[in-house]
Structures are given as structure tokens and as C-alpha cells.
C-alpha atoms as a PDB file:
ATOM      1  CA  MET A   1      98.366  93.265  81.810  1.00  0.00           C
ATOM      2  CA  ASN A   2      97.238  90.108  81.330  1.00  0.00           C
ATOM      3  CA  LEU A   3      94.448  88.072  82.833  1.00  0.00           C
ATOM      4  CA  LEU A   4      96.216  85.250  82.943  1.00  0.00           C
ATOM      5  CA  PRO A   5      99.481  84.248  84.729  1.00  0.00           C
ATOM      6  CA  LYS A   6     103.252  83.953  83.343  1.00  0.00           C
ATOM      7  CA  CYS A   7     106.764  83.954  84.180  1.00  0.00           C
ATOM      8  CA  ARG A   8     109.682  85.223  82.584  1.00  0.00           C
ATOM      9  CA  VAL A   9     113.331  84.185  82.593  1.00  0.00           C
ATOM     10  CA  SER A  10     115.840  87.110  82.436  1.00  0.00           C
ATOM     11  CA  ARG A  11     118.863  86.766  79.453  1.00  0.00           C
ATOM     12  CA  PRO A  12     120.804  90.128  79.725  1.00  0.00           C
ATOM     13  CA  PRO A  13     119.760  92.260  82.952  1.00  0.00           C
ATOM     14  CA  LEU A  14     115.900  93.175  82.457  1.00  0.00           C
ATOM     15  CA  PRO A  15     114.699  95.903  84.490  1.00  0.00           C
ATOM     16  CA  VAL A  16     110.526  95.077  85.362  1.00  0.00           C
ATOM     17  CA  LEU A  17     107.919  96.961  86.782  1.00  0.00           C
ATOM     18  CA  ARG A  18     105.500  94.812  88.808  1.00  0.00           C
ATOM     19  CA  SER A  19     102.833  95.736  91.072  1.00  0.00           C
ATOM     20  CA  GLY A  20     104.180  95.800  94.561  1.00  0.00           C
ATOM     21  CA  GLU A  21     104.480  98.388  97.760  1.00  0.00           C
ATOM     22  CA  GLN A  22     107.038 100.843  95.932  1.00  0.00           C
ATOM     23  CA  MET A  23     105.336 103.839  97.517  1.00  0.00           C
ATOM     24  CA  ALA A  24     101.930 102.292  98.480  1.00  0.00           C
ATOM     25  CA  LEU A  25     102.441 103.909 101.828  1.00  0.00           C
ATOM     26  CA  ASN A  26     103.478 107.226 100.775  1.00  0.00           C
ATOM     27  CA  ILE A  27     100.013 106.997  98.428  1.00  0.00           C
ATOM     28  CA  THR A  28      98.017 106.126 101.360  1.00  0.00           C
ATOM     29  CA  TYR A  29      99.346 109.012 103.731  1.00  0.00           C
ATOM     30  CA  GLU A  30      98.484 111.419 100.590  1.00  0.00           C
ATOM     31  CA  ILE A  31      95.161 110.370 100.134  1.00  0.00           C
ATOM     32  CA  SER A  32      93.962 109.201 103.322  1.00  0.00           C
ATOM     33  CA  PRO A  33      95.935 108.865 106.678  1.00  0.00           C
ATOM     34  CA  VAL A  34      93.905 105.192 107.737  1.00  0.00           C
ATOM     35  CA  ALA A  35      92.751 104.114 104.026  1.00  0.00           C
ATOM     36  CA  PRO A  36      93.769 100.560 103.229  1.00  0.00           C
ATOM     37  CA  ILE A  37      95.841 100.085 100.385  1.00  0.00           C
ATOM     38  CA  ILE A  38      93.434  97.995  98.231  1.00  0.00           C
ATOM     39  CA  THR A  39      91.233 101.381  98.329  1.00  0.00           C
ATOM     40  CA  THR A  40      93.837 104.007  97.736  1.00  0.00           C
ATOM     41  CA  LEU A  41      95.789 102.371  95.035  1.00  0.00           C
ATOM     42  CA  PRO A  42      92.472 102.272  92.848  1.00  0.00           C
ATOM     43  CA  LEU A  43      92.457 105.922  93.571  1.00  0.00           C
ATOM     44  CA  ALA A  44      95.760 106.817  92.505  1.00  0.00           C
ATOM     45  CA  PHE A  45      95.232 104.654  89.241  1.00  0.00           C
ATOM     46  CA  GLN A  46      91.940 106.753  88.368  1.00  0.00           C
ATOM     47  CA  GLN A  47      93.944 109.873  88.970  1.00  0.00           C
ATOM     48  CA  LEU A  48      96.402 108.802  86.635  1.00  0.00           C
ATOM     49  CA  THR A  49      93.499 108.573  83.758  1.00  0.00           C
ATOM     50  CA  ILE A  50      93.082 112.315  83.960  1.00  0.00           C
ATOM     51  CA  PRO A  51      94.918 113.892  80.736  1.00  0.00           C
ATOM     52  CA  ARG A  52      95.034 117.234  82.146  1.00  0.00           C
ATOM     53  CA  ARG A  53      96.818 116.325  85.763  1.00  0.00           C
ATOM     54  CA  VAL A  54      98.831 113.998  83.834  1.00  0.00           C
ATOM     55  CA  ALA A  55     100.405 116.875  81.378  1.00  0.00           C
ATOM     56  CA  LEU A  56     100.599 119.283  84.005  1.00  0.00           C
ATOM     57  CA  LEU A  57     102.860 116.819  86.617  1.00  0.00           C
ATOM     58  CA  THR A  58     105.059 115.719  83.641  1.00  0.00           C
ATOM     59  CA  ASP A  59     105.493 119.463  82.000  1.00  0.00           C
ATOM     60  CA  ASP A  60     106.888 120.491  85.930  1.00  0.00           C
ATOM     61  CA  GLY A  61     109.353 117.270  86.115  1.00  0.00           C
ATOM     62  CA  GLY A  62     112.113 118.508  83.592  1.00  0.00           C
ATOM     63  CA  GLY A  63     114.436 119.181  86.335  1.00  0.00           C
ATOM     64  CA  ALA A  64     113.172 116.932  88.854  1.00  0.00           C
ATOM     65  CA  LYS A  65     114.957 115.509  91.653  1.00  0.00           C
ATOM     66  CA  SER A  66     114.475 112.975  94.593  1.00  0.00           C
ATOM     67  CA  SER A  67     113.306 113.955  97.774  1.00  0.00           C
ATOM     68  CA  GLU A  68     113.423 112.456 101.233  1.00  0.00           C
ATOM     69  CA  GLY A  69     112.819 108.587 100.806  1.00  0.00           C
ATOM     70  CA  GLU A  70     112.276 108.551  97.172  1.00  0.00           C
ATOM     71  CA  SER A  71     115.414 107.042  95.044  1.00  0.00           C
ATOM     72  CA  GLN A  72     117.059 108.961  92.699  1.00  0.00           C
ATOM     73  CA  GLU A  73     117.251 105.812  90.362  1.00  0.00           C
ATOM     74  CA  LEU A  74     113.442 106.137  90.093  1.00  0.00           C
ATOM     75  CA  VAL A  75     113.367 109.685  89.394  1.00  0.00           C
ATOM     76  CA  ASP A  76     115.538 109.130  86.317  1.00  0.00           C
ATOM     77  CA  LEU A  77     113.422 106.276  85.329  1.00  0.00           C
ATOM     78  CA  VAL A  78     110.161 108.708  85.188  1.00  0.00           C
ATOM     79  CA  LEU A  79     112.122 111.032  83.389  1.00  0.00           C
ATOM     80  CA  ARG A  80     113.169 108.581  80.999  1.00  0.00           C
ATOM     81  CA  LEU A  81     109.801 106.962  80.406  1.00  0.00           C
ATOM     82  CA  ASN A  82     108.572 110.668  79.844  1.00  0.00           C
ATOM     83  CA  SER A  83     110.996 111.115  77.372  1.00  0.00           C
ATOM     84  CA  GLN A  84     109.701 108.365  75.629  1.00  0.00           C
ATOM     85  CA  PHE A  85     106.080 108.710  75.705  1.00  0.00           C
ATOM     86  CA  PRO A  86     105.856 112.243  76.805  1.00  0.00           C
ATOM     87  CA  GLY A  87     102.419 113.150  78.745  1.00  0.00           C
ATOM     88  CA  ASP A  88     101.970 109.303  78.648  1.00  0.00           C
ATOM     89  CA  ILE A  89     100.272 108.343  82.231  1.00  0.00           C
ATOM     90  CA  GLY A  90     102.461 105.149  82.890  1.00  0.00           C
ATOM     91  CA  VAL A  91     105.504 107.555  83.365  1.00  0.00           C
ATOM     92  CA  PHE A  92     104.395 107.509  86.939  1.00  0.00           C
ATOM     93  CA  CYS A  93     104.016 103.698  87.875  1.00  0.00           C
ATOM     94  CA  PRO A  94     107.543 103.462  89.190  1.00  0.00           C
ATOM     95  CA  PHE A  95     106.379 105.038  92.427  1.00  0.00           C
ATOM     96  CA  LEU A  96     103.677 102.881  92.481  1.00  0.00           C
ATOM     97  CA  LEU A  97     105.045  99.545  91.363  1.00  0.00           C
ATOM     98  CA  ASN A  98     108.390  97.611  92.392  1.00  0.00           C
ATOM     99  CA  TYR A  99     111.293  98.218  90.054  1.00  0.00           C
ATOM    100  CA  ILE A 100     113.418  95.174  89.655  1.00  0.00           C
ATOM    101  CA  THR A 101     116.534  94.332  87.759  1.00  0.00           C
ATOM    102  CA  LEU A 102     116.574  90.510  86.626  1.00  0.00           C
ATOM    103  CA  GLN A 103     120.411  89.630  86.040  1.00  0.00           C
ATOM    104  CA  PRO A 104     120.597  86.315  83.092  1.00  0.00           C
ATOM    105  CA  GLY A 105     119.144  83.378  84.813  1.00  0.00           C
ATOM    106  CA  GLU A 106     116.840  85.103  87.213  1.00  0.00           C
ATOM    107  CA  ALA A 107     113.120  84.448  86.839  1.00  0.00           C
ATOM    108  CA  ILE A 108     109.668  86.049  87.981  1.00  0.00           C
ATOM    109  CA  PHE A 109     106.515  84.900  88.292  1.00  0.00           C
ATOM    110  CA  LEU A 110     103.503  87.482  87.172  1.00  0.00           C
ATOM    111  CA  GLY A 111     100.122  86.499  88.083  1.00  0.00           C
ATOM    112  CA  ALA A 112      97.043  87.154  86.454  1.00  0.00           C
ATOM    113  CA  GLY A 113      95.497  90.549  86.733  1.00  0.00           C
ATOM    114  CA  GLU A 114      99.172  92.012  87.628  1.00  0.00           C
ATOM    115  CA  PRO A 115     100.117  95.343  86.039  1.00  0.00           C
ATOM    116  CA  HIS A 116     103.539  95.251  85.069  1.00  0.00           C
ATOM    117  CA  ALA A 117     105.884  96.930  82.140  1.00  0.00           C
ATOM    118  CA  TYR A 118     109.123  96.014  80.656  1.00  0.00           C
ATOM    119  CA  ILE A 119     111.495  98.773  80.484  1.00  0.00           C
ATOM    120  CA  TYR A 120     114.502  97.262  78.077  1.00  0.00           C
ATOM    121  CA  GLY A 121     116.713  94.212  77.806  1.00  0.00           C
ATOM    122  CA  GLU A 122     115.571  90.561  76.671  1.00  0.00           C
ATOM    123  CA  CYS A 123     113.758  87.725  78.493  1.00  0.00           C
ATOM    124  CA  MET A 124     111.738  84.400  77.720  1.00  0.00           C
ATOM    125  CA  GLU A 125     108.523  84.482  78.420  1.00  0.00           C
ATOM    126  CA  CYS A 126     105.999  81.564  78.870  1.00  0.00           C
ATOM    127  CA  MET A 127     102.191  82.478  79.499  1.00  0.00           C
ATOM    128  CA  ALA A 128      99.143  80.348  80.002  1.00  0.00           C
ATOM    129  CA  ASN A 129      96.546  80.569  77.219  1.00  0.00           C
ATOM    130  CA  SER A 130      95.262  83.960  76.799  1.00  0.00           C
ATOM    131  CA  ASP A 131      93.064  85.794  74.631  1.00  0.00           C
ATOM    132  CA  ASN A 132      93.219  89.530  76.081  1.00  0.00           C
ATOM    133  CA  VAL A 133      95.707  91.997  77.456  1.00  0.00           C
ATOM    134  CA  ILE A 134      94.492  95.505  78.840  1.00  0.00           C
ATOM    135  CA  ARG A 135      96.653  98.271  78.463  1.00  0.00           C
ATOM    136  CA  ALA A 136      96.544 101.338  80.127  1.00  0.00           C
ATOM    137  CA  GLY A 137      99.649 103.356  79.302  1.00  0.00           C
ATOM    138  CA  LEU A 138     103.641 103.259  77.860  1.00  0.00           C
ATOM    139  CA  THR A 139     102.181 101.703  74.571  1.00  0.00           C
ATOM    140  CA  PRO A 140     100.820 102.879  71.452  1.00  0.00           C
ATOM    141  CA  LYS A 141      98.661  99.905  71.321  1.00  0.00           C
ATOM    142  CA  LEU A 142      94.918  99.991  72.495  1.00  0.00           C
ATOM    143  CA  ARG A 143      94.236 101.121  75.945  1.00  0.00           C
ATOM    144  CA  ASP A 144      91.204 100.456  78.133  1.00  0.00           C
ATOM    145  CA  VAL A 145      91.805 102.469  81.169  1.00  0.00           C
ATOM    146  CA  PRO A 146      88.172 101.698  82.705  1.00  0.00           C
ATOM    147  CA  ASN A 147      88.568  97.985  82.896  1.00  0.00           C
ATOM    148  CA  LEU A 148      92.055  97.710  84.190  1.00  0.00           C
ATOM    149  CA  VAL A 149      91.310 100.198  87.188  1.00  0.00           C
ATOM    150  CA  ALA A 150      88.428  97.771  87.674  1.00  0.00           C
ATOM    151  CA  THR A 151      90.545  94.350  87.154  1.00  0.00           C
ATOM    152  CA  LEU A 152      93.652  95.387  89.032  1.00  0.00           C
ATOM    153  CA  THR A 153      94.413  92.875  91.938  1.00  0.00           C
ATOM    154  CA  TYR A 154      95.793  95.876  94.105  1.00  0.00           C
ATOM    155  CA  GLU A 155      97.680  93.479  96.252  1.00  0.00           C
ATOM    156  CA  SER A 156     100.850  94.889  97.514  1.00  0.00           C
ATOM    157  CA  SER A 157     104.027  92.791  98.241  1.00  0.00           C
ATOM    158  CA  LYS A 158     107.740  92.800  98.034  1.00  0.00           C
ATOM    159  CA  ALA A 159     109.497  91.276  94.493  1.00  0.00           C
ATOM    160  CA  SER A 160     111.337  88.613  96.117  1.00  0.00           C
ATOM    161  CA  LYS A 161     107.732  87.004  97.269  1.00  0.00           C
ATOM    162  CA  HIS A 162     107.310  86.735  93.160  1.00  0.00           C
ATOM    163  CA  MET A 163     110.971  85.542  92.495  1.00  0.00           C
ATOM    164  CA  VAL A 164     110.940  81.996  91.158  1.00  0.00           C
ATOM    165  CA  SER A 165     114.147  79.935  91.952  1.00  0.00           C
ATOM    166  CA  PRO A 166     115.416  77.333  89.192  1.00  0.00           C
ATOM    167  CA  ARG A 167     116.672  73.998  90.539  1.00  0.00           C
ATOM    168  CA  PRO A 168     118.302  71.093  88.694  1.00  0.00           C
ATOM    169  CA  LEU A 169     115.905  68.902  86.297  1.00  0.00           C
ATOM    170  CA  GLY A 170     117.018  65.682  87.547  1.00  0.00           C
ATOM    171  CA  ALA A 171     119.913  63.733  89.198  1.00  0.00           C
ATOM    172  CA  ASP A 172     120.810  63.035  85.853  1.00  0.00           C
ATOM    173  CA  SER A 173     120.833  65.921  84.362  1.00  0.00           C
ATOM    174  CA  LYS A 174     123.907  68.533  83.691  1.00  0.00           C
ATOM    175  CA  PHE A 175     122.961  71.360  81.657  1.00  0.00           C
ATOM    176  CA  SER A 176     119.205  71.726  82.683  1.00  0.00           C
ATOM    177  CA  THR A 177     117.522  73.933  85.015  1.00  0.00           C
ATOM    178  CA  LEU A 178     113.825  73.880  85.974  1.00  0.00           C
ATOM    179  CA  TYR A 179     111.768  76.942  86.607  1.00  0.00           C
ATOM    180  CA  ASP A 180     108.354  76.122  88.055  1.00  0.00           C
ATOM    181  CA  PRO A 181     106.111  78.684  88.902  1.00  0.00           C
ATOM    182  CA  PRO A 182     103.380  78.147  92.035  1.00  0.00           C
ATOM    183  CA  ILE A 183     100.356  77.371  89.077  1.00  0.00           C
ATOM    184  CA  PRO A 184      99.476  74.230  87.428  1.00  0.00           C
ATOM    185  CA  GLU A 185      99.440  75.853  83.859  1.00  0.00           C
ATOM    186  CA  PHE A 186     103.183  75.558  83.025  1.00  0.00           C
ATOM    187  CA  SER A 187     106.806  74.990  83.942  1.00  0.00           C
ATOM    188  CA  VAL A 188     109.641  75.993  82.238  1.00  0.00           C
ATOM    189  CA  ILE A 189     113.243  74.342  81.163  1.00  0.00           C
ATOM    190  CA  LYS A 190     116.553  75.834  80.673  1.00  0.00           C
ATOM    191  CA  ALA A 191     119.141  73.639  79.001  1.00  0.00           C
ATOM    192  CA  ASP A 192     122.357  75.367  78.391  1.00  0.00           C
ATOM    193  CA  ILE A 193     124.585  72.891  77.113  1.00  0.00           C
ATOM    194  CA  LEU A 194     128.576  73.390  76.305  1.00  0.00           C
ATOM    195  CA  ALA A 195     129.974  72.492  73.029  1.00  0.00           C
ATOM    196  CA  GLY A 196     130.091  68.601  71.511  1.00  0.00           C
ATOM    197  CA  GLU A 197     128.010  67.577  74.950  1.00  0.00           C
ATOM    198  CA  ILE A 198     124.526  65.675  75.226  1.00  0.00           C
ATOM    199  CA  GLU A 199     121.755  66.529  77.502  1.00  0.00           C
ATOM    200  CA  LYS A 200     118.781  64.105  77.918  1.00  0.00           C
ATOM    201  CA  HIS A 201     115.353  64.949  79.105  1.00  0.00           C
ATOM    202  CA  PRO A 202     113.110  62.234  80.596  1.00  0.00           C
ATOM    203  CA  LYS A 203     109.589  61.949  79.325  1.00  0.00           C
ATOM    204  CA  LEU A 204     107.097  63.879  80.337  1.00  0.00           C
ATOM    205  CA  ASP A 205     103.627  63.549  80.734  1.00  0.00           C
ATOM    206  CA  GLY A 206     102.355  66.368  78.843  1.00  0.00           C
ATOM    207  CA  PRO A 207     103.401  68.214  75.567  1.00  0.00           C
ATOM    208  CA  SER A 208     106.140  71.011  75.173  1.00  0.00           C
ATOM    209  CA  ILE A 209     107.532  73.481  72.951  1.00  0.00           C
ATOM    210  CA  VAL A 210     111.452  73.932  72.610  1.00  0.00           C
ATOM    211  CA  ILE A 211     113.057  76.985  71.303  1.00  0.00           C
ATOM    212  CA  VAL A 212     116.789  77.456  70.033  1.00  0.00           C
ATOM    213  CA  THR A 213     118.210  81.043  71.635  1.00  0.00           C
ATOM    214  CA  GLU A 214     121.705  80.500  71.246  1.00  0.00           C
ATOM    215  CA  GLY A 215     124.200  78.418  69.050  1.00  0.00           C
ATOM    216  CA  ARG A 216     123.438  75.054  67.141  1.00  0.00           C
ATOM    217  CA  GLY A 217     123.036  71.415  67.677  1.00  0.00           C
ATOM    218  CA  SER A 218     120.672  68.491  67.209  1.00  0.00           C
ATOM    219  CA  ILE A 219     117.847  66.855  68.769  1.00  0.00           C
ATOM    220  CA  GLN A 220     117.062  63.483  68.774  1.00  0.00           C
ATOM    221  CA  TRP A 221     113.752  61.313  69.893  1.00  0.00           C
ATOM    222  CA  THR A 222     112.169  57.974  70.014  1.00  0.00           C
ATOM    223  CA  GLY A 223     108.679  57.242  68.880  1.00  0.00           C
ATOM    224  CA  GLY A 224     108.419  54.257  66.715  1.00  0.00           C
ATOM    225  CA  GLU A 225     111.789  54.853  65.506  1.00  0.00           C
ATOM    226  CA  GLU A 226     114.698  57.130  66.385  1.00  0.00           C
ATOM    227  CA  ARG A 227     115.179  60.533  64.613  1.00  0.00           C
ATOM    228  CA  ASP A 228     117.569  63.157  64.396  1.00  0.00           C
ATOM    229  CA  LEU A 229     116.677  66.881  63.608  1.00  0.00           C
ATOM    230  CA  GLU A 230     119.092  69.900  63.412  1.00  0.00           C
ATOM    231  CA  LEU A 231     118.698  72.617  65.567  1.00  0.00           C
ATOM    232  CA  GLY A 232     119.257  76.287  64.969  1.00  0.00           C
ATOM    233  CA  VAL A 233     118.624  79.936  66.568  1.00  0.00           C
ATOM    234  CA  GLY A 234     115.070  80.975  66.165  1.00  0.00           C
ATOM    235  CA  GLU A 235     114.053  77.334  65.529  1.00  0.00           C
ATOM    236  CA  VAL A 236     110.891  75.921  67.591  1.00  0.00           C
ATOM    237  CA  PHE A 237     109.941  72.010  67.768  1.00  0.00           C
ATOM    238  CA  TYR A 238     107.137  70.517  69.362  1.00  0.00           C
ATOM    239  CA  VAL A 239     107.707  67.774  71.109  1.00  0.00           C
ATOM    240  CA  GLY A 240     104.660  64.866  72.084  1.00  0.00           C
ATOM    241  CA  ALA A 241     103.838  63.814  75.452  1.00  0.00           C
ATOM    242  CA  GLY A 242     105.515  60.926  76.595  1.00  0.00           C
ATOM    243  CA  THR A 243     108.613  61.178  74.166  1.00  0.00           C
ATOM    244  CA  GLU A 244     112.324  61.129  75.498  1.00  0.00           C
ATOM    245  CA  ILE A 245     114.423  63.583  73.991  1.00  0.00           C
ATOM    246  CA  SER A 246     118.231  64.268  73.539  1.00  0.00           C
ATOM    247  CA  ILE A 247     119.762  67.420  72.897  1.00  0.00           C
ATOM    248  CA  ARG A 248     123.442  67.619  71.305  1.00  0.00           C
ATOM    249  CA  ALA A 249     125.072  70.772  71.430  1.00  0.00           C
ATOM    250  CA  GLY A 250     127.468  71.652  68.172  1.00  0.00           C
ATOM    251  CA  GLY A 251     130.799  73.103  67.920  1.00  0.00           C
ATOM    252  CA  THR A 252     129.582  75.796  70.486  1.00  0.00           C
ATOM    253  CA  LYS A 253     127.307  76.337  73.595  1.00  0.00           C
ATOM    254  CA  CYS A 254     123.562  75.578  72.510  1.00  0.00           C
ATOM    255  CA  VAL A 255     120.796  77.178  74.844  1.00  0.00           C
ATOM    256  CA  VAL A 256     117.447  76.084  74.646  1.00  0.00           C
ATOM    257  CA  TYR A 257     114.180  76.691  76.219  1.00  0.00           C
ATOM    258  CA  ARG A 258     111.412  74.134  76.685  1.00  0.00           C
ATOM    259  CA  ALA A 259     107.715  75.036  77.972  1.00  0.00           C
ATOM    260  CA  PHE A 260     105.856  72.017  79.180  1.00  0.00           C
ATOM    261  CA  ALA A 261     102.360  71.251  80.930  1.00  0.00           C
ATOM    262  CA  GLU A 262     102.028  67.868  82.765  1.00  0.00           C
ATOM    263  CA  ASP A 263      98.608  66.498  82.717  1.00  0.00           C
END
């Protein structure tokens, strides 16, 4: 979990877990018929921090089948996670979080304090400046469960509420789409440029970072004098505020992402 917001754009299909209402009501009934979700979810997470309880549940789940109201897909996911991280508290998170499969080009916004996990696949991630990540499960890295339990939002919502719908960058843009999450910290442009074509980006009021994820080409910009630079997969470029750029694809399609923050 990060304490600052982020946005992810899927490349291949990408299954994601994020905080939501997947099993929130079922959990509520298990703990108290009238207790609000904001109370029961912290209790549920605290229960999952007890190693003995986790071990008993995972040891008993080898032949698990879905019960009424549960998805076999979720049960299979739990078993898969347990095979990768045996006895880990994170294997039960699919029953607490929304389970989403992002298709290429789809994006989701994750606010500060929202628990999430990426199951497999690739994505382009943009995150606001942050010097901390709090982990509790499904990782070999340092964990801080008490802090995680204390700082989670525990808000319940459908996954669709957090999807970011792309829109054309502008009337003159042929190949670029804008992902604009509901925060001022950043936005992301995806340029999917056909072979031999040129895409022009207008001046932005703030700095930006460009990364190439597919193909080759060149980037041209003006600033006192016109300059041209070759592009290749994995290369990253900084573009200063107020700089107009043109991106030319080479012999194949060229895909670039541009993250920016405007003043």
C-alpha cells in the first residue's frame, strides 16, 4: 500500500486486487450483523495477521471449492496465491478486495491508503512522489502489518468507480490519448503512433517524462534551435515545461507514454 496516489495503464491483460466491496457484506455478517464495514474490515485484517490462524486456514484449503455466493475463480486465485506464498496472510485478500482484470489500454486509479496487489502481467504505472510503501503480504520484502492496519482507508466501492477513461489528447491529435485521474499531481499520455507517422504534442505548463515501450523512432523539439533524438525501447526522456515536441515512428509502430504535471 502506498500513502500517495497512483494510476496504472494495462498493457497485456492485468489482474489487480484493490480495496472494495467484494466480500465486505459477508464479512460484516460473520463478525456482527449490524457492525458497519468501516469497523469490521479492520477486524478482519487484524485476524489475518495471526500466523496460527492463517496456517490453519491455508492447510485446510487444498481441495477448496466455492460455496454459494462465492466465485470459483476467486477460490482458484486463493489457491494459486497460496502455492506461490505458502501460509502468507495475503492469500485471503481476494475475499476482501475487488478482483479486476484490466484489458490493454484500460486504466485504474488507486488513491492513497488503498491496499492493492498485482497478480501478473505488465502495466505502465505513474505514482505521485512518495518515500514509503507499507506491505503486509504476498511479498518477500519488509512488512509492517500494524502500520498497514492503522492507515488503510477501509472504504468500500465498486471497481468501476476507480476506472480512468482515456480521451483524445486534443482535436489535432491522431494517435494520443489522455489518462487524467481525479488528482492534481499527474496525468499520463499514451501515444500509439503508426509506422512512419508523426504525432505532435502541444506545449505543457509543467515538466514531463517520456518512456518508449514499443518500436523505434525519433523525437524532435524546439527550444532556441530545433533538435532531433533517436528513440528506442526502454529509453526515457525529460521534456521541460513549455516545450513542443513531435514524435516520429520508424519502420514499425512506436508506443510511448508521457507522464506530466502542470503548474
